[in-house]
Amino acid sequence: DRGTRSIPVGGAVLVEPDDVPPNG
């Protein structure tokens, strides 16, 4: 019931290094 928050993508994102999966 509290709803959601809005996070713009804008064509690119930042993730933490350990969260980048291998290619594929």
mmCIF file of all heavy atoms, coordinates in Angstrom:
data_MODEL
# 
_entry.id   MODEL 
# 
loop_
_atom_site.group_PDB 
_atom_site.id 
_atom_site.type_symbol 
_atom_site.label_atom_id 
_atom_site.label_alt_id 
_atom_site.label_comp_id 
_atom_site.label_asym_id 
_atom_site.label_entity_id 
_atom_site.label_seq_id 
_atom_site.pdbx_PDB_ins_code 
_atom_site.Cartn_x 
_atom_site.Cartn_y 
_atom_site.Cartn_z 
_atom_site.occupancy 
_atom_site.B_iso_or_equiv 
_atom_site.pdbx_formal_charge 
_atom_site.auth_seq_id 
_atom_site.auth_comp_id 
_atom_site.auth_asym_id 
_atom_site.auth_atom_id 
_atom_site.pdbx_PDB_model_num 
ATOM 1   N N   . ASP A 1 1  ? 0.809  -1.212  0.000   1.00 0.00 ? 1  ASP A N   1 
ATOM 2   C CA  . ASP A 1 1  ? 0.000  0.000   0.000   1.00 0.00 ? 1  ASP A CA  1 
ATOM 3   C C   . ASP A 1 1  ? 0.849  1.272   0.000   1.00 0.00 ? 1  ASP A C   1 
ATOM 4   O O   . ASP A 1 1  ? 0.344  2.357   -0.295  1.00 0.00 ? 1  ASP A O   1 
ATOM 5   C CB  . ASP A 1 1  ? -0.926 -0.001  1.216   1.00 0.00 ? 1  ASP A CB  1 
ATOM 6   C CG  . ASP A 1 1  ? -0.158 -0.143  2.531   1.00 0.00 ? 1  ASP A CG  1 
ATOM 7   O OD1 . ASP A 1 1  ? 0.666  -1.067  2.635   1.00 0.00 ? 1  ASP A OD1 1 
ATOM 8   O OD2 . ASP A 1 1  ? -0.396 0.670   3.440   1.00 0.00 ? 1  ASP A OD2 1 
ATOM 9   N N   . ARG A 1 2  ? 2.117  1.161   0.339   1.00 0.00 ? 2  ARG A N   1 
ATOM 10  C CA  . ARG A 1 2  ? 2.993  2.338   0.325   1.00 0.00 ? 2  ARG A CA  1 
ATOM 11  C C   . ARG A 1 2  ? 3.413  2.704   -1.095  1.00 0.00 ? 2  ARG A C   1 
ATOM 12  O O   . ARG A 1 2  ? 3.979  3.770   -1.319  1.00 0.00 ? 2  ARG A O   1 
ATOM 13  C CB  . ARG A 1 2  ? 4.235  2.093   1.181   1.00 0.00 ? 2  ARG A CB  1 
ATOM 14  C CG  . ARG A 1 2  ? 3.948  1.961   2.662   1.00 0.00 ? 2  ARG A CG  1 
ATOM 15  C CD  . ARG A 1 2  ? 5.243  1.969   3.450   1.00 0.00 ? 2  ARG A CD  1 
ATOM 16  N NE  . ARG A 1 2  ? 5.056  1.451   4.789   1.00 0.00 ? 2  ARG A NE  1 
ATOM 17  C CZ  . ARG A 1 2  ? 6.035  1.181   5.634   1.00 0.00 ? 2  ARG A CZ  1 
ATOM 18  N NH1 . ARG A 1 2  ? 7.295  1.378   5.258   1.00 0.00 ? 2  ARG A NH1 1 
ATOM 19  N NH2 . ARG A 1 2  ? 5.780  0.703   6.838   1.00 0.00 ? 2  ARG A NH2 1 
ATOM 20  N N   . GLY A 1 3  ? 3.198  1.811   -2.015  1.00 0.00 ? 3  GLY A N   1 
ATOM 21  C CA  . GLY A 1 3  ? 3.501  2.109   -3.404  1.00 0.00 ? 3  GLY A CA  1 
ATOM 22  C C   . GLY A 1 3  ? 4.946  1.814   -3.787  1.00 0.00 ? 3  GLY A C   1 
ATOM 23  O O   . GLY A 1 3  ? 5.649  1.057   -3.113  1.00 0.00 ? 3  GLY A O   1 
ATOM 24  N N   . THR A 1 4  ? 5.346  2.422   -4.881  1.00 0.00 ? 4  THR A N   1 
ATOM 25  C CA  . THR A 1 4  ? 6.681  2.176   -5.430  1.00 0.00 ? 4  THR A CA  1 
ATOM 26  C C   . THR A 1 4  ? 7.440  3.494   -5.524  1.00 0.00 ? 4  THR A C   1 
ATOM 27  O O   . THR A 1 4  ? 6.883  4.574   -5.352  1.00 0.00 ? 4  THR A O   1 
ATOM 28  C CB  . THR A 1 4  ? 6.575  1.560   -6.830  1.00 0.00 ? 4  THR A CB  1 
ATOM 29  O OG1 . THR A 1 4  ? 5.850  2.454   -7.679  1.00 0.00 ? 4  THR A OG1 1 
ATOM 30  C CG2 . THR A 1 4  ? 5.870  0.208   -6.784  1.00 0.00 ? 4  THR A CG2 1 
ATOM 31  N N   . ARG A 1 5  ? 8.741  3.385   -5.780  1.00 0.00 ? 5  ARG A N   1 
ATOM 32  C CA  . ARG A 1 5  ? 9.528  4.596   -6.066  1.00 0.00 ? 5  ARG A CA  1 
ATOM 33  C C   . ARG A 1 5  ? 9.941  4.555   -7.529  1.00 0.00 ? 5  ARG A C   1 
ATOM 34  O O   . ARG A 1 5  ? 9.987  3.470   -8.138  1.00 0.00 ? 5  ARG A O   1 
ATOM 35  C CB  . ARG A 1 5  ? 10.744 4.701   -5.155  1.00 0.00 ? 5  ARG A CB  1 
ATOM 36  C CG  . ARG A 1 5  ? 11.808 3.641   -5.366  1.00 0.00 ? 5  ARG A CG  1 
ATOM 37  C CD  . ARG A 1 5  ? 11.929 2.666   -4.239  1.00 0.00 ? 5  ARG A CD  1 
ATOM 38  N NE  . ARG A 1 5  ? 13.280 2.068   -4.282  1.00 0.00 ? 5  ARG A NE  1 
ATOM 39  C CZ  . ARG A 1 5  ? 13.601 0.951   -3.670  1.00 0.00 ? 5  ARG A CZ  1 
ATOM 40  N NH1 . ARG A 1 5  ? 12.690 0.266   -3.012  1.00 0.00 ? 5  ARG A NH1 1 
ATOM 41  N NH2 . ARG A 1 5  ? 14.842 0.502   -3.718  1.00 0.00 ? 5  ARG A NH2 1 
ATOM 42  N N   . SER A 1 6  ? 10.263 5.705   -8.096  1.00 0.00 ? 6  SER A N   1 
ATOM 43  C CA  . SER A 1 6  ? 10.616 5.804   -9.514  1.00 0.00 ? 6  SER A CA  1 
ATOM 44  C C   . SER A 1 6  ? 12.109 6.079   -9.654  1.00 0.00 ? 6  SER A C   1 
ATOM 45  O O   . SER A 1 6  ? 12.619 7.073   -9.132  1.00 0.00 ? 6  SER A O   1 
ATOM 46  C CB  . SER A 1 6  ? 9.816  6.928   -10.185 1.00 0.00 ? 6  SER A CB  1 
ATOM 47  O OG  . SER A 1 6  ? 8.434  6.644   -10.145 1.00 0.00 ? 6  SER A OG  1 
ATOM 48  N N   . ILE A 1 7  ? 12.795 5.194   -10.379 1.00 0.00 ? 7  ILE A N   1 
ATOM 49  C CA  . ILE A 1 7  ? 14.228 5.357   -10.600 1.00 0.00 ? 7  ILE A CA  1 
ATOM 50  C C   . ILE A 1 7  ? 14.465 5.452   -12.106 1.00 0.00 ? 7  ILE A C   1 
ATOM 51  O O   . ILE A 1 7  ? 14.351 4.457   -12.832 1.00 0.00 ? 7  ILE A O   1 
ATOM 52  C CB  . ILE A 1 7  ? 15.025 4.174   -10.026 1.00 0.00 ? 7  ILE A CB  1 
ATOM 53  C CG1 . ILE A 1 7  ? 14.622 3.914   -8.562  1.00 0.00 ? 7  ILE A CG1 1 
ATOM 54  C CG2 . ILE A 1 7  ? 16.523 4.443   -10.123 1.00 0.00 ? 7  ILE A CG2 1 
ATOM 55  C CD1 . ILE A 1 7  ? 15.320 2.722   -7.945  1.00 0.00 ? 7  ILE A CD1 1 
ATOM 56  N N   . PRO A 1 8  ? 14.794 6.631   -12.610 1.00 0.00 ? 8  PRO A N   1 
ATOM 57  C CA  . PRO A 1 8  ? 15.015 6.795   -14.059 1.00 0.00 ? 8  PRO A CA  1 
ATOM 58  C C   . PRO A 1 8  ? 16.231 5.990   -14.531 1.00 0.00 ? 8  PRO A C   1 
ATOM 59  O O   . PRO A 1 8  ? 17.260 5.940   -13.859 1.00 0.00 ? 8  PRO A O   1 
ATOM 60  C CB  . PRO A 1 8  ? 15.257 8.293   -14.214 1.00 0.00 ? 8  PRO A CB  1 
ATOM 61  C CG  . PRO A 1 8  ? 14.723 8.919   -12.960 1.00 0.00 ? 8  PRO A CG  1 
ATOM 62  C CD  . PRO A 1 8  ? 14.930 7.903   -11.891 1.00 0.00 ? 8  PRO A CD  1 
ATOM 63  N N   . VAL A 1 9  ? 16.073 5.394   -15.703 1.00 0.00 ? 9  VAL A N   1 
ATOM 64  C CA  . VAL A 1 9  ? 17.187 4.653   -16.309 1.00 0.00 ? 9  VAL A CA  1 
ATOM 65  C C   . VAL A 1 9  ? 18.065 5.592   -17.122 1.00 0.00 ? 9  VAL A C   1 
ATOM 66  O O   . VAL A 1 9  ? 19.292 5.631   -16.942 1.00 0.00 ? 9  VAL A O   1 
ATOM 67  C CB  . VAL A 1 9  ? 16.659 3.511   -17.200 1.00 0.00 ? 9  VAL A CB  1 
ATOM 68  C CG1 . VAL A 1 9  ? 17.817 2.787   -17.884 1.00 0.00 ? 9  VAL A CG1 1 
ATOM 69  C CG2 . VAL A 1 9  ? 15.821 2.540   -16.372 1.00 0.00 ? 9  VAL A CG2 1 
ATOM 70  N N   . GLY A 1 10 ? 17.466 6.329   -18.039 1.00 0.00 ? 10 GLY A N   1 
ATOM 71  C CA  . GLY A 1 10 ? 18.235 7.307   -18.803 1.00 0.00 ? 10 GLY A CA  1 
ATOM 72  C C   . GLY A 1 10 ? 19.252 6.707   -19.749 1.00 0.00 ? 10 GLY A C   1 
ATOM 73  O O   . GLY A 1 10 ? 20.258 7.342   -20.070 1.00 0.00 ? 10 GLY A O   1 
ATOM 74  N N   . GLY A 1 11 ? 19.038 5.482   -20.159 1.00 0.00 ? 11 GLY A N   1 
ATOM 75  C CA  . GLY A 1 11 ? 19.921 4.871   -21.154 1.00 0.00 ? 11 GLY A CA  1 
ATOM 76  C C   . GLY A 1 11 ? 21.100 4.115   -20.590 1.00 0.00 ? 11 GLY A C   1 
ATOM 77  O O   . GLY A 1 11 ? 21.767 3.368   -21.319 1.00 0.00 ? 11 GLY A O   1 
ATOM 78  N N   . ALA A 1 12 ? 21.410 4.270   -19.304 1.00 0.00 ? 12 ALA A N   1 
ATOM 79  C CA  . ALA A 1 12 ? 22.540 3.554   -18.710 1.00 0.00 ? 12 ALA A CA  1 
ATOM 80  C C   . ALA A 1 12 ? 22.340 3.492   -17.203 1.00 0.00 ? 12 ALA A C   1 
ATOM 81  O O   . ALA A 1 12 ? 21.695 4.355   -16.598 1.00 0.00 ? 12 ALA A O   1 
ATOM 82  C CB  . ALA A 1 12 ? 23.868 4.230   -19.040 1.00 0.00 ? 12 ALA A CB  1 
ATOM 83  N N   . VAL A 1 13 ? 22.924 2.453   -16.575 1.00 0.00 ? 13 VAL A N   1 
ATOM 84  C CA  . VAL A 1 13 ? 22.800 2.285   -15.124 1.00 0.00 ? 13 VAL A CA  1 
ATOM 85  C C   . VAL A 1 13 ? 24.180 2.061   -14.509 1.00 0.00 ? 13 VAL A C   1 
ATOM 86  O O   . VAL A 1 13 ? 25.156 1.750   -15.205 1.00 0.00 ? 13 VAL A O   1 
ATOM 87  C CB  . VAL A 1 13 ? 21.872 1.102   -14.774 1.00 0.00 ? 13 VAL A CB  1 
ATOM 88  C CG1 . VAL A 1 13 ? 20.469 1.328   -15.296 1.00 0.00 ? 13 VAL A CG1 1 
ATOM 89  C CG2 . VAL A 1 13 ? 22.454 -0.224  -15.289 1.00 0.00 ? 13 VAL A CG2 1 
ATOM 90  N N   . LEU A 1 14 ? 24.204 2.234   -13.189 1.00 0.00 ? 14 LEU A N   1 
ATOM 91  C CA  . LEU A 1 14 ? 25.385 1.900   -12.397 1.00 0.00 ? 14 LEU A CA  1 
ATOM 92  C C   . LEU A 1 14 ? 25.047 0.713   -11.512 1.00 0.00 ? 14 LEU A C   1 
ATOM 93  O O   . LEU A 1 14 ? 23.999 0.688   -10.863 1.00 0.00 ? 14 LEU A O   1 
ATOM 94  C CB  . LEU A 1 14 ? 25.802 3.086   -11.529 1.00 0.00 ? 14 LEU A CB  1 
ATOM 95  C CG  . LEU A 1 14 ? 26.311 4.334   -12.241 1.00 0.00 ? 14 LEU A CG  1 
ATOM 96  C CD1 . LEU A 1 14 ? 26.437 5.482   -11.251 1.00 0.00 ? 14 LEU A CD1 1 
ATOM 97  C CD2 . LEU A 1 14 ? 27.671 4.056   -12.900 1.00 0.00 ? 14 LEU A CD2 1 
ATOM 98  N N   . VAL A 1 15 ? 25.924 -0.272  -11.491 1.00 0.00 ? 15 VAL A N   1 
ATOM 99  C CA  . VAL A 1 15 ? 25.790 -1.401  -10.575 1.00 0.00 ? 15 VAL A CA  1 
ATOM 100 C C   . VAL A 1 15 ? 27.136 -1.603  -9.886  1.00 0.00 ? 15 VAL A C   1 
ATOM 101 O O   . VAL A 1 15 ? 28.167 -1.099  -10.339 1.00 0.00 ? 15 VAL A O   1 
ATOM 102 C CB  . VAL A 1 15 ? 25.369 -2.696  -11.309 1.00 0.00 ? 15 VAL A CB  1 
ATOM 103 C CG1 . VAL A 1 15 ? 23.979 -2.554  -11.904 1.00 0.00 ? 15 VAL A CG1 1 
ATOM 104 C CG2 . VAL A 1 15 ? 26.384 -3.070  -12.375 1.00 0.00 ? 15 VAL A CG2 1 
ATOM 105 N N   . GLU A 1 16 ? 27.120 -2.348  -8.798  1.00 0.00 ? 16 GLU A N   1 
ATOM 106 C CA  . GLU A 1 16 ? 28.363 -2.603  -8.075  1.00 0.00 ? 16 GLU A CA  1 
ATOM 107 C C   . GLU A 1 16 ? 29.186 -3.634  -8.842  1.00 0.00 ? 16 GLU A C   1 
ATOM 108 O O   . GLU A 1 16 ? 28.640 -4.525  -9.513  1.00 0.00 ? 16 GLU A O   1 
ATOM 109 C CB  . GLU A 1 16 ? 28.063 -3.055  -6.652  1.00 0.00 ? 16 GLU A CB  1 
ATOM 110 C CG  . GLU A 1 16 ? 27.337 -1.971  -5.855  1.00 0.00 ? 16 GLU A CG  1 
ATOM 111 C CD  . GLU A 1 16 ? 27.326 -2.226  -4.347  1.00 0.00 ? 16 GLU A CD  1 
ATOM 112 O OE1 . GLU A 1 16 ? 27.674 -3.337  -3.921  1.00 0.00 ? 16 GLU A OE1 1 
ATOM 113 O OE2 . GLU A 1 16 ? 26.955 -1.289  -3.603  1.00 0.00 ? 16 GLU A OE2 1 
ATOM 114 N N   . PRO A 1 17 ? 30.521 -3.523  -8.761  1.00 0.00 ? 17 PRO A N   1 
ATOM 115 C CA  . PRO A 1 17 ? 31.393 -4.383  -9.584  1.00 0.00 ? 17 PRO A CA  1 
ATOM 116 C C   . PRO A 1 17 ? 31.084 -5.873  -9.452  1.00 0.00 ? 17 PRO A C   1 
ATOM 117 O O   . PRO A 1 17 ? 31.078 -6.598  -10.458 1.00 0.00 ? 17 PRO A O   1 
ATOM 118 C CB  . PRO A 1 17 ? 32.790 -4.049  -9.064  1.00 0.00 ? 17 PRO A CB  1 
ATOM 119 C CG  . PRO A 1 17 ? 32.681 -2.646  -8.566  1.00 0.00 ? 17 PRO A CG  1 
ATOM 120 C CD  . PRO A 1 17 ? 31.295 -2.539  -7.991  1.00 0.00 ? 17 PRO A CD  1 
ATOM 121 N N   . ASP A 1 18 ? 30.816 -6.348  -8.231  1.00 0.00 ? 18 ASP A N   1 
ATOM 122 C CA  . ASP A 1 18 ? 30.575 -7.779  -8.036  1.00 0.00 ? 18 ASP A CA  1 
ATOM 123 C C   . ASP A 1 18 ? 29.242 -8.230  -8.621  1.00 0.00 ? 18 ASP A C   1 
ATOM 124 O O   . ASP A 1 18 ? 28.984 -9.436  -8.716  1.00 0.00 ? 18 ASP A O   1 
ATOM 125 C CB  . ASP A 1 18 ? 30.620 -8.129  -6.551  1.00 0.00 ? 18 ASP A CB  1 
ATOM 126 C CG  . ASP A 1 18 ? 32.017 -8.017  -5.964  1.00 0.00 ? 18 ASP A CG  1 
ATOM 127 O OD1 . ASP A 1 18 ? 32.984 -7.971  -6.755  1.00 0.00 ? 18 ASP A OD1 1 
ATOM 128 O OD2 . ASP A 1 18 ? 32.138 -7.971  -4.721  1.00 0.00 ? 18 ASP A OD2 1 
ATOM 129 N N   . ASP A 1 19 ? 28.393 -7.261  -8.982  1.00 0.00 ? 19 ASP A N   1 
ATOM 130 C CA  . ASP A 1 19 ? 27.081 -7.611  -9.516  1.00 0.00 ? 19 ASP A CA  1 
ATOM 131 C C   . ASP A 1 19 ? 27.051 -7.665  -11.041 1.00 0.00 ? 19 ASP A C   1 
ATOM 132 O O   . ASP A 1 19 ? 26.009 -7.971  -11.632 1.00 0.00 ? 19 ASP A O   1 
ATOM 133 C CB  . ASP A 1 19 ? 26.028 -6.612  -9.022  1.00 0.00 ? 19 ASP A CB  1 
ATOM 134 C CG  . ASP A 1 19 ? 25.750 -6.747  -7.536  1.00 0.00 ? 19 ASP A CG  1 
ATOM 135 O OD1 . ASP A 1 19 ? 25.978 -7.840  -6.985  1.00 0.00 ? 19 ASP A OD1 1 
ATOM 136 O OD2 . ASP A 1 19 ? 25.309 -5.752  -6.917  1.00 0.00 ? 19 ASP A OD2 1 
ATOM 137 N N   . VAL A 1 20 ? 28.163 -7.360  -11.689 1.00 0.00 ? 20 VAL A N   1 
ATOM 138 C CA  . VAL A 1 20 ? 28.222 -7.447  -13.157 1.00 0.00 ? 20 VAL A CA  1 
ATOM 139 C C   . VAL A 1 20 ? 28.407 -8.919  -13.530 1.00 0.00 ? 20 VAL A C   1 
ATOM 140 O O   . VAL A 1 20 ? 29.427 -9.526  -13.183 1.00 0.00 ? 20 VAL A O   1 
ATOM 141 C CB  . VAL A 1 20 ? 29.380 -6.611  -13.718 1.00 0.00 ? 20 VAL A CB  1 
ATOM 142 C CG1 . VAL A 1 20 ? 29.442 -6.761  -15.246 1.00 0.00 ? 20 VAL A CG1 1 
ATOM 143 C CG2 . VAL A 1 20 ? 29.220 -5.142  -13.332 1.00 0.00 ? 20 VAL A CG2 1 
ATOM 144 N N   . PRO A 1 21 ? 27.441 -9.520  -14.236 1.00 0.00 ? 21 PRO A N   1 
ATOM 145 C CA  . PRO A 1 21 ? 27.568 -10.934 -14.557 1.00 0.00 ? 21 PRO A CA  1 
ATOM 146 C C   . PRO A 1 21 ? 28.545 -11.141 -15.723 1.00 0.00 ? 21 PRO A C   1 
ATOM 147 O O   . PRO A 1 21 ? 28.850 -10.210 -16.479 1.00 0.00 ? 21 PRO A O   1 
ATOM 148 C CB  . PRO A 1 21 ? 26.146 -11.314 -14.970 1.00 0.00 ? 21 PRO A CB  1 
ATOM 149 C CG  . PRO A 1 21 ? 25.589 -10.057 -15.558 1.00 0.00 ? 21 PRO A CG  1 
ATOM 150 C CD  . PRO A 1 21 ? 26.186 -8.935  -14.761 1.00 0.00 ? 21 PRO A CD  1 
ATOM 151 N N   . PRO A 1 22 ? 29.055 -12.345 -15.863 1.00 0.00 ? 22 PRO A N   1 
ATOM 152 C CA  . PRO A 1 22 ? 29.905 -12.640 -17.031 1.00 0.00 ? 22 PRO A CA  1 
ATOM 153 C C   . PRO A 1 22 ? 29.108 -12.425 -18.318 1.00 0.00 ? 22 PRO A C   1 
ATOM 154 O O   . PRO A 1 22 ? 27.872 -12.454 -18.319 1.00 0.00 ? 22 PRO A O   1 
ATOM 155 C CB  . PRO A 1 22 ? 30.272 -14.116 -16.842 1.00 0.00 ? 22 PRO A CB  1 
ATOM 156 C CG  . PRO A 1 22 ? 30.043 -14.404 -15.393 1.00 0.00 ? 22 PRO A CG  1 
ATOM 157 C CD  . PRO A 1 22 ? 28.910 -13.519 -14.975 1.00 0.00 ? 22 PRO A CD  1 
ATOM 158 N N   . ASN A 1 23 ? 29.808 -12.210 -19.393 1.00 0.00 ? 23 ASN A N   1 
ATOM 159 C CA  . ASN A 1 23 ? 29.146 -12.041 -20.684 1.00 0.00 ? 23 ASN A CA  1 
ATOM 160 C C   . ASN A 1 23 ? 28.240 -13.230 -20.974 1.00 0.00 ? 23 ASN A C   1 
ATOM 161 O O   . ASN A 1 23 ? 28.627 -14.397 -20.789 1.00 0.00 ? 23 ASN A O   1 
ATOM 162 C CB  . ASN A 1 23 ? 30.191 -11.902 -21.804 1.00 0.00 ? 23 ASN A CB  1 
ATOM 163 C CG  . ASN A 1 23 ? 30.439 -10.443 -22.137 1.00 0.00 ? 23 ASN A CG  1 
ATOM 164 O OD1 . ASN A 1 23 ? 29.506 -9.647  -22.208 1.00 0.00 ? 23 ASN A OD1 1 
ATOM 165 N ND2 . ASN A 1 23 ? 31.701 -10.097 -22.319 1.00 0.00 ? 23 ASN A ND2 1 
ATOM 166 N N   . GLY A 1 24 ? 27.048 -12.905 -21.406 1.00 0.00 ? 24 GLY A N   1 
ATOM 167 C CA  . GLY A 1 24 ? 26.084 -13.946 -21.735 1.00 0.00 ? 24 GLY A CA  1 
ATOM 168 C C   . GLY A 1 24 ? 25.194 -14.351 -20.584 1.00 0.00 ? 24 GLY A C   1 
ATOM 169 O O   . GLY A 1 24 ? 24.199 -15.056 -20.782 1.00 0.00 ? 24 GLY A O   1 
# 
